[in-house]
C-alpha atoms as a PDB file:
ATOM      1  CA  UNK A   1      62.056 154.960 -24.386  1.00  0.00           C
ATOM      2  CA  UNK A   2      62.941 158.936 -23.707  1.00  0.00           C
ATOM      3  CA  UNK A   3      66.307 158.091 -23.603  1.00  0.00           C
ATOM      4  CA  UNK A   4      68.112 156.272 -26.812  1.00  0.00           C
ATOM      5  CA  UNK A   5      71.863 155.233 -26.802  1.00  0.00           C
ATOM      6  CA  UNK A   6      73.953 153.768 -29.755  1.00  0.00           C
ATOM      7  CA  UNK A   7      77.129 151.828 -28.724  1.00  0.00           C
ATOM      8  CA  UNK A   8      79.198 151.510 -31.604  1.00  0.00           C
ATOM      9  CA  UNK A   9      81.990 149.323 -30.674  1.00  0.00           C
ATOM     10  CA  UNK A  10      83.492 149.639 -34.158  1.00  0.00           C
ATOM     11  CA  UNK A  11      84.175 153.460 -33.348  1.00  0.00           C
ATOM     12  CA  UNK A  12      84.242 152.814 -29.512  1.00  0.00           C
ATOM     13  CA  UNK A  13      82.264 155.719 -28.799  1.00  0.00           C
ATOM     14  CA  UNK A  14      78.255 155.992 -27.522  1.00  0.00           C
ATOM     15  CA  UNK A  15      76.040 158.714 -28.692  1.00  0.00           C
ATOM     16  CA  UNK A  16      72.571 159.302 -26.346  1.00  0.00           C
ATOM     17  CA  UNK A  17      69.807 161.155 -26.807  1.00  0.00           C
ATOM     18  CA  UNK A  18      67.364 161.587 -24.257  1.00  0.00           C
ATOM     19  CA  UNK A  19      63.727 163.145 -25.004  1.00  0.00           C
ATOM     20  CA  UNK A  20      60.997 164.017 -23.369  1.00  0.00           C
ATOM     21  CA  UNK A  21      59.939 163.036 -19.279  1.00  0.00           C
ATOM     22  CA  UNK A  22      63.300 161.434 -18.456  1.00  0.00           C
ATOM     23  CA  UNK A  23      62.668 159.714 -15.272  1.00  0.00           C
ATOM     24  CA  UNK A  24      65.715 157.647 -13.146  1.00  0.00           C
ATOM     25  CA  UNK A  25      64.652 153.978 -14.488  1.00  0.00           C
ATOM     26  CA  UNK A  26      65.403 155.034 -18.021  1.00  0.00           C
ATOM     27  CA  UNK A  27      68.800 156.710 -17.387  1.00  0.00           C
ATOM     28  CA  UNK A  28      69.438 153.236 -15.140  1.00  0.00           C
ATOM     29  CA  UNK A  29      68.509 150.975 -17.814  1.00  0.00           C
ATOM     30  CA  UNK A  30      71.680 153.299 -20.410  1.00  0.00           C
ATOM     31  CA  UNK A  31      73.824 152.868 -17.095  1.00  0.00           C
ATOM     32  CA  UNK A  32      73.146 149.049 -17.005  1.00  0.00           C
ATOM     33  CA  UNK A  33      73.988 149.012 -20.998  1.00  0.00           C
ATOM     34  CA  UNK A  34      76.645 150.706 -20.490  1.00  0.00           C
ATOM     35  CA  UNK A  35      78.075 147.999 -17.951  1.00  0.00           C
ATOM     36  CA  UNK A  36      76.482 144.611 -19.518  1.00  0.00           C
ATOM     37  CA  UNK A  37      78.212 146.086 -22.961  1.00  0.00           C
ATOM     38  CA  UNK A  38      81.602 146.864 -21.523  1.00  0.00           C
ATOM     39  CA  UNK A  39      81.420 150.377 -22.991  1.00  0.00           C
ATOM     40  CA  UNK A  40      82.332 152.429 -20.068  1.00  0.00           C
ATOM     41  CA  UNK A  41      85.866 153.517 -21.687  1.00  0.00           C
ATOM     42  CA  UNK A  42      84.207 154.777 -24.262  1.00  0.00           C
ATOM     43  CA  UNK A  43      83.879 158.599 -25.627  1.00  0.00           C
ATOM     44  CA  UNK A  44      79.917 159.407 -24.648  1.00  0.00           C
ATOM     45  CA  UNK A  45      77.701 162.012 -26.093  1.00  0.00           C
ATOM     46  CA  UNK A  46      74.805 162.603 -24.173  1.00  0.00           C
ATOM     47  CA  UNK A  47      72.368 165.018 -26.027  1.00  0.00           C
ATOM     48  CA  UNK A  48      69.340 166.284 -23.471  1.00  0.00           C
ATOM     49  CA  UNK A  49      68.316 169.379 -26.013  1.00  0.00           C
ATOM     50  CA  UNK A  50      65.096 168.371 -26.245  1.00  0.00           C
ATOM     51  CA  UNK A  51      64.982 165.942 -22.357  1.00  0.00           C
ATOM     52  CA  UNK A  52      62.314 167.431 -19.561  1.00  0.00           C
ATOM     53  CA  UNK A  53      64.017 165.854 -16.769  1.00  0.00           C
ATOM     54  CA  UNK A  54      61.950 164.558 -14.004  1.00  0.00           C
ATOM     55  CA  UNK A  55      63.892 163.370 -11.350  1.00  0.00           C
ATOM     56  CA  UNK A  56      64.207 164.367  -7.754  1.00  0.00           C
ATOM     57  CA  UNK A  57      66.834 165.765  -5.324  1.00  0.00           C
ATOM     58  CA  UNK A  58      66.922 161.650  -3.738  1.00  0.00           C
ATOM     59  CA  UNK A  59      66.438 160.651  -7.661  1.00  0.00           C
ATOM     60  CA  UNK A  60      70.109 162.544  -8.613  1.00  0.00           C
ATOM     61  CA  UNK A  61      71.683 161.171  -5.393  1.00  0.00           C
ATOM     62  CA  UNK A  62      70.753 157.883  -6.614  1.00  0.00           C
ATOM     63  CA  UNK A  63      72.648 158.992 -10.028  1.00  0.00           C
ATOM     64  CA  UNK A  64      76.040 160.232  -8.388  1.00  0.00           C
ATOM     65  CA  UNK A  65      75.937 157.295  -5.870  1.00  0.00           C
ATOM     66  CA  UNK A  66      75.789 154.567  -9.005  1.00  0.00           C
ATOM     67  CA  UNK A  67      78.363 156.217 -10.649  1.00  0.00           C
ATOM     68  CA  UNK A  68      80.807 156.847  -7.325  1.00  0.00           C
ATOM     69  CA  UNK A  69      79.981 152.076  -7.663  1.00  0.00           C
ATOM     70  CA  UNK A  70      81.081 151.923 -11.062  1.00  0.00           C
ATOM     71  CA  UNK A  71      85.399 153.489 -10.464  1.00  0.00           C
ATOM     72  CA  UNK A  72      85.821 148.959  -9.705  1.00  0.00           C
ATOM     73  CA  UNK A  73      85.513 149.795 -13.586  1.00  0.00           C
ATOM     74  CA  UNK A  74      88.166 152.280 -15.026  1.00  0.00           C
ATOM     75  CA  UNK A  75      89.021 153.607 -16.987  1.00  0.00           C
ATOM     76  CA  UNK A  76      85.747 155.217 -17.947  1.00  0.00           C
ATOM     77  CA  UNK A  77      85.931 157.366 -20.783  1.00  0.00           C
ATOM     78  CA  UNK A  78      84.810 161.151 -21.010  1.00  0.00           C
ATOM     79  CA  UNK A  79      81.454 162.773 -21.273  1.00  0.00           C
ATOM     80  CA  UNK A  80      80.110 165.560 -22.735  1.00  0.00           C
ATOM     81  CA  UNK A  81      77.100 166.378 -21.941  1.00  0.00           C
ATOM     82  CA  UNK A  82      74.504 169.112 -24.525  1.00  0.00           C
ATOM     83  CA  UNK A  83      71.417 171.026 -22.935  1.00  0.00           C
ATOM     84  CA  UNK A  84      69.253 173.846 -23.834  1.00  0.00           C
ATOM     85  CA  UNK A  85      67.571 174.666 -20.772  1.00  0.00           C
ATOM     86  CA  UNK A  86      68.351 175.446 -16.894  1.00  0.00           C
ATOM     87  CA  UNK A  87      66.725 172.712 -15.398  1.00  0.00           C
ATOM     88  CA  UNK A  88      68.632 169.721 -17.627  1.00  0.00           C
ATOM     89  CA  UNK A  89      71.358 171.512 -17.411  1.00  0.00           C
ATOM     90  CA  UNK A  90      70.896 171.958 -13.408  1.00  0.00           C
ATOM     91  CA  UNK A  91      70.573 168.846 -13.409  1.00  0.00           C
ATOM     92  CA  UNK A  92      73.622 167.219 -15.743  1.00  0.00           C
ATOM     93  CA  UNK A  93      75.379 169.634 -13.294  1.00  0.00           C
ATOM     94  CA  UNK A  94      74.946 168.093 -10.321  1.00  0.00           C
ATOM     95  CA  UNK A  95      75.660 164.744 -11.852  1.00  0.00           C
ATOM     96  CA  UNK A  96      78.873 165.521 -13.264  1.00  0.00           C
ATOM     97  CA  UNK A  97      79.624 167.011  -9.375  1.00  0.00           C
ATOM     98  CA  UNK A  98      78.219 163.862  -7.511  1.00  0.00           C
ATOM     99  CA  UNK A  99      79.866 161.401  -9.794  1.00  0.00           C
ATOM    100  CA  UNK A 100      83.598 161.979  -8.456  1.00  0.00           C
ATOM    101  CA  UNK A 101      84.683 160.267 -11.460  1.00  0.00           C
ATOM    102  CA  UNK A 102      88.816 160.881 -12.695  1.00  0.00           C
ATOM    103  CA  UNK A 103      87.085 161.587 -16.319  1.00  0.00           C
ATOM    104  CA  UNK A 104      86.781 164.785 -18.047  1.00  0.00           C
ATOM    105  CA  UNK A 105      83.058 166.262 -17.959  1.00  0.00           C
ATOM    106  CA  UNK A 106      81.576 168.948 -19.815  1.00  0.00           C
ATOM    107  CA  UNK A 107      78.541 170.199 -20.733  1.00  0.00           C
ATOM    108  CA  UNK A 108      77.452 172.681 -23.885  1.00  0.00           C
ATOM    109  CA  UNK A 109      75.323 174.263 -25.566  1.00  0.00           C
ATOM    110  CA  UNK A 110      75.724 172.391 -29.079  1.00  0.00           C
ATOM    111  CA  UNK A 111      76.334 168.809 -30.345  1.00  0.00           C
ATOM    112  CA  UNK A 112      78.652 170.449 -32.660  1.00  0.00           C
ATOM    113  CA  UNK A 113      80.875 171.939 -29.770  1.00  0.00           C
ATOM    114  CA  UNK A 114      80.949 168.728 -27.470  1.00  0.00           C
ATOM    115  CA  UNK A 115      81.942 166.664 -30.598  1.00  0.00           C
ATOM    116  CA  UNK A 116      84.482 168.849 -31.532  1.00  0.00           C
ATOM    117  CA  UNK A 117      85.425 168.399 -27.643  1.00  0.00           C
ATOM    118  CA  UNK A 118      85.348 165.129 -27.397  1.00  0.00           C
ATOM    119  CA  UNK A 119      87.373 164.378 -30.260  1.00  0.00           C
ATOM    120  CA  UNK A 120      89.749 166.551 -29.312  1.00  0.00           C
ATOM    121  CA  UNK A 121      89.916 164.228 -25.484  1.00  0.00           C
ATOM    122  CA  UNK A 122      90.642 160.793 -27.799  1.00  0.00           C
END
């Protein structure tokens, strides 16, 4: 599966790795797992360094709408996303702009920077 994730309830932390071709259903499955496992308040590290997003404009709008619908599940934890390609970075930035969640979200070029920022956000 191109989106692998670990939800650590002890540490209250979610680590996600997206790799290869990533499409809308894989991301929605990850979102569903966050809700079902009550992990929305946890900080999330989303590593998309090796991802090749295959998302249309409609797909990105769907993701934004889904995140907006999660407003009833506040609080939602901060997200540190990591991307090194322009395409992945652009899509993650659009997602962050569309989500409208009142929480910190930032895009990074390295996992180390992202992890440090998340630790400071706790």
